[in-house]
Amino acid sequence: MKRIKEYKKLFNVEGAIDLKVLKTTYRGLVKEWHPDKFQDEEKKLEAEEVSTKIIDGYHFLVSIAPKTKEANLEAYNTTITEFRVDDYQHKSMLLEVTFTDGNTYEYFGVNKKLFIKFVNAKSINNFGKRNIFNSFTYRKSKKAMATA
């Protein structure tokens, strides 16, 4: 959640993410903070850090935007209904779940108490479907590897 707030603040986003507005803001910030604009070495290094943060933030916000989620909803539903949880990690308020199809999703705002219930559930797949997978802001963090 902290990461979401931080990136939304960087891009001046309030409420739902509009991809068109986000792209315009992104382009403006990239132009403003491009390292080649600066002669001073210290300023150039700062610009490199800021521009990296801008690029990361843009890709992150695009991945959680409603339009992006809507476009990938069918594939997401296939993953959470037809494949089982293969692995999971929890750190702070972030739950990362890898499914047997190789896709990994991050769920934001999952507290430790809910994570413990998830781990101790009779069926973590069913518990996840009922309580996590469609209840929290999520994004695909890793795609399944293509098999030859």
Protein backbone atom coordinates (compact mmCIF):
# COMPACT_ATOMS: atom_id res chain seq x y z
CA MET A 1 0.00 0.00 0.00
CA LYS A 2 2.88 2.35 0.79
CA ARG A 3 4.28 1.80 -2.69
CA ILE A 4 0.93 2.54 -4.31
CA LYS A 5 0.54 5.78 -2.34
CA GLU A 6 4.11 6.82 -3.08
CA TYR A 7 3.74 6.32 -6.84
CA LYS A 8 0.30 7.94 -6.95
CA LYS A 9 1.76 10.96 -5.18
CA LEU A 10 4.69 11.09 -7.64
CA PHE A 11 2.26 11.13 -10.58
CA ASN A 12 -0.32 13.32 -8.82
CA VAL A 13 -3.01 10.63 -9.13
CA GLU A 14 -6.09 10.78 -6.95
CA GLY A 15 -8.59 7.94 -6.99
CA ALA A 16 -8.74 5.60 -9.96
CA ILE A 17 -5.86 5.54 -12.43
CA ASP A 18 -6.62 6.98 -15.87
CA LEU A 19 -4.05 5.55 -18.29
CA LYS A 20 -4.23 8.49 -20.69
CA VAL A 21 -3.58 11.07 -17.96
CA LEU A 22 -0.90 8.85 -16.43
CA LYS A 23 0.94 8.59 -19.76
CA THR A 24 0.87 12.37 -20.25
CA THR A 25 2.18 12.96 -16.73
CA TYR A 26 4.84 10.28 -17.23
CA ARG A 27 6.13 11.90 -20.42
CA GLY A 28 6.32 15.29 -18.73
CA LEU A 29 8.22 13.92 -15.73
CA VAL A 30 10.64 11.98 -17.94
CA LYS A 31 11.42 15.14 -19.93
CA GLU A 32 11.84 17.18 -16.74
CA TRP A 33 14.15 14.64 -15.07
CA HIS A 34 16.12 13.29 -18.02
CA PRO A 35 19.79 13.02 -16.92
CA ASP A 36 21.09 14.50 -20.20
CA LYS A 37 19.49 17.85 -19.29
CA PHE A 38 21.93 18.36 -16.43
CA GLN A 39 25.59 19.40 -16.66
CA ASP A 40 26.41 19.20 -12.96
CA GLU A 41 27.48 15.64 -12.06
CA GLU A 42 25.60 15.69 -8.75
CA LYS A 43 22.38 16.85 -10.42
CA LYS A 44 22.88 14.26 -13.18
CA LEU A 45 23.10 11.44 -10.59
CA GLU A 46 20.00 12.74 -8.81
CA ALA A 47 18.17 12.89 -12.15
CA GLU A 48 19.14 9.29 -12.90
CA GLU A 49 17.67 8.15 -9.57
CA VAL A 50 14.49 10.18 -10.03
CA SER A 51 14.01 9.07 -13.65
CA THR A 52 14.44 5.40 -12.62
CA LYS A 53 11.79 5.92 -9.94
CA ILE A 54 9.50 7.59 -12.52
CA ILE A 55 9.86 4.67 -14.93
CA ASP A 56 9.28 2.08 -12.19
CA GLY A 57 6.30 4.01 -10.87
CA TYR A 58 4.74 4.33 -14.30
CA HIS A 59 4.98 0.60 -15.03
CA PHE A 60 3.72 -0.21 -11.55
CA LEU A 61 0.67 2.08 -11.81
CA VAL A 62 -0.13 0.78 -15.31
CA SER A 63 -0.10 -2.77 -13.93
CA ILE A 64 -2.73 -1.97 -11.27
CA ALA A 65 -4.88 0.34 -13.40
CA PRO A 66 -8.54 -0.72 -13.83
CA LYS A 67 -8.21 -0.87 -17.65
CA THR A 68 -5.17 -3.14 -17.42
CA LYS A 69 -6.89 -5.42 -14.92
CA GLU A 70 -10.02 -5.49 -17.09
CA ALA A 71 -8.01 -6.41 -20.19
CA ASN A 72 -6.33 -9.31 -18.35
CA LEU A 73 -9.32 -10.44 -16.28
CA GLU A 74 -10.03 -13.60 -18.28
CA ALA A 75 -6.44 -14.85 -17.95
CA TYR A 76 -6.40 -13.93 -14.25
CA ASN A 77 -9.65 -15.80 -13.58
CA THR A 78 -8.27 -18.84 -15.43
CA THR A 79 -5.15 -18.77 -13.24
CA ILE A 80 -6.98 -18.47 -9.90
CA THR A 81 -9.68 -21.03 -10.76
CA GLU A 82 -7.88 -23.69 -12.81
CA PHE A 83 -4.43 -23.68 -11.20
CA ARG A 84 -3.31 -24.28 -7.65
CA VAL A 85 -1.14 -22.16 -5.39
CA ASP A 86 2.42 -23.38 -5.84
CA ASP A 87 4.31 -20.99 -3.58
CA TYR A 88 3.71 -17.85 -1.52
CA GLN A 89 5.61 -15.20 0.42
CA HIS A 90 4.41 -12.52 2.78
CA LYS A 91 6.34 -9.42 3.73
CA SER A 92 4.83 -6.48 5.52
CA MET A 93 1.43 -6.03 3.83
CA LEU A 94 2.37 -7.71 0.54
CA LEU A 95 1.41 -11.28 -0.33
CA GLU A 96 3.11 -12.77 -3.37
CA VAL A 97 1.47 -15.92 -4.75
CA THR A 98 2.87 -18.15 -7.48
CA PHE A 99 0.44 -20.51 -9.19
CA THR A 100 1.18 -23.84 -10.86
CA ASP A 101 0.86 -22.23 -14.30
CA GLY A 102 3.96 -20.17 -13.43
CA ASN A 103 2.21 -16.80 -13.03
CA THR A 104 2.96 -14.78 -9.91
CA TYR A 105 0.65 -12.11 -8.51
CA GLU A 106 1.19 -9.55 -5.76
CA TYR A 107 -1.70 -8.70 -3.43
CA PHE A 108 -1.42 -5.39 -1.57
CA GLY A 109 -2.78 -4.76 1.93
CA VAL A 110 -2.88 -8.38 3.15
CA ASN A 111 -2.16 -8.20 6.88
CA LYS A 112 -0.33 -10.84 8.90
CA LYS A 113 -3.50 -12.12 10.57
CA LEU A 114 -5.14 -12.87 7.21
CA PHE A 115 -1.90 -14.38 5.89
CA ILE A 116 -1.78 -16.79 8.86
CA LYS A 117 -5.38 -17.82 8.14
CA PHE A 118 -4.43 -18.34 4.48
CA VAL A 119 -1.46 -20.55 5.38
CA ASN A 120 -3.43 -22.60 7.93
CA ALA A 121 -6.56 -23.04 5.80
CA LYS A 122 -7.64 -26.57 4.85
CA SER A 123 -7.47 -25.46 1.23
CA ILE A 124 -5.37 -22.38 0.61
CA ASN A 125 -6.76 -22.25 -2.93
CA ASN A 126 -10.37 -21.98 -1.74
CA PHE A 127 -9.45 -19.60 1.07
CA GLY A 128 -7.54 -17.43 -1.38
CA LYS A 129 -10.47 -17.34 -3.83
CA ARG A 130 -12.94 -16.41 -1.10
CA ASN A 131 -10.85 -13.94 0.88
CA ILE A 132 -7.88 -12.61 -1.07
CA PHE A 133 -7.69 -13.09 -4.84
CA ASN A 134 -10.70 -10.91 -5.68
CA SER A 135 -10.68 -8.71 -2.56
CA PHE A 136 -7.32 -6.94 -2.70
CA THR A 137 -5.53 -4.73 -5.19
CA TYR A 138 -3.31 -7.04 -7.18
CA ARG A 139 -0.88 -7.02 -10.07
CA LYS A 140 0.89 -9.64 -12.10
CA SER A 141 4.52 -9.51 -11.08
CA LYS A 142 5.93 -12.43 -13.07
CA LYS A 143 4.70 -14.15 -16.17
CA ALA A 144 4.78 -17.87 -16.75
CA MET A 145 7.84 -19.05 -18.63
CA ALA A 146 7.06 -20.27 -22.15
CA THR A 147 7.74 -23.93 -22.71
CA ALA A 148 9.41 -25.12 -25.89
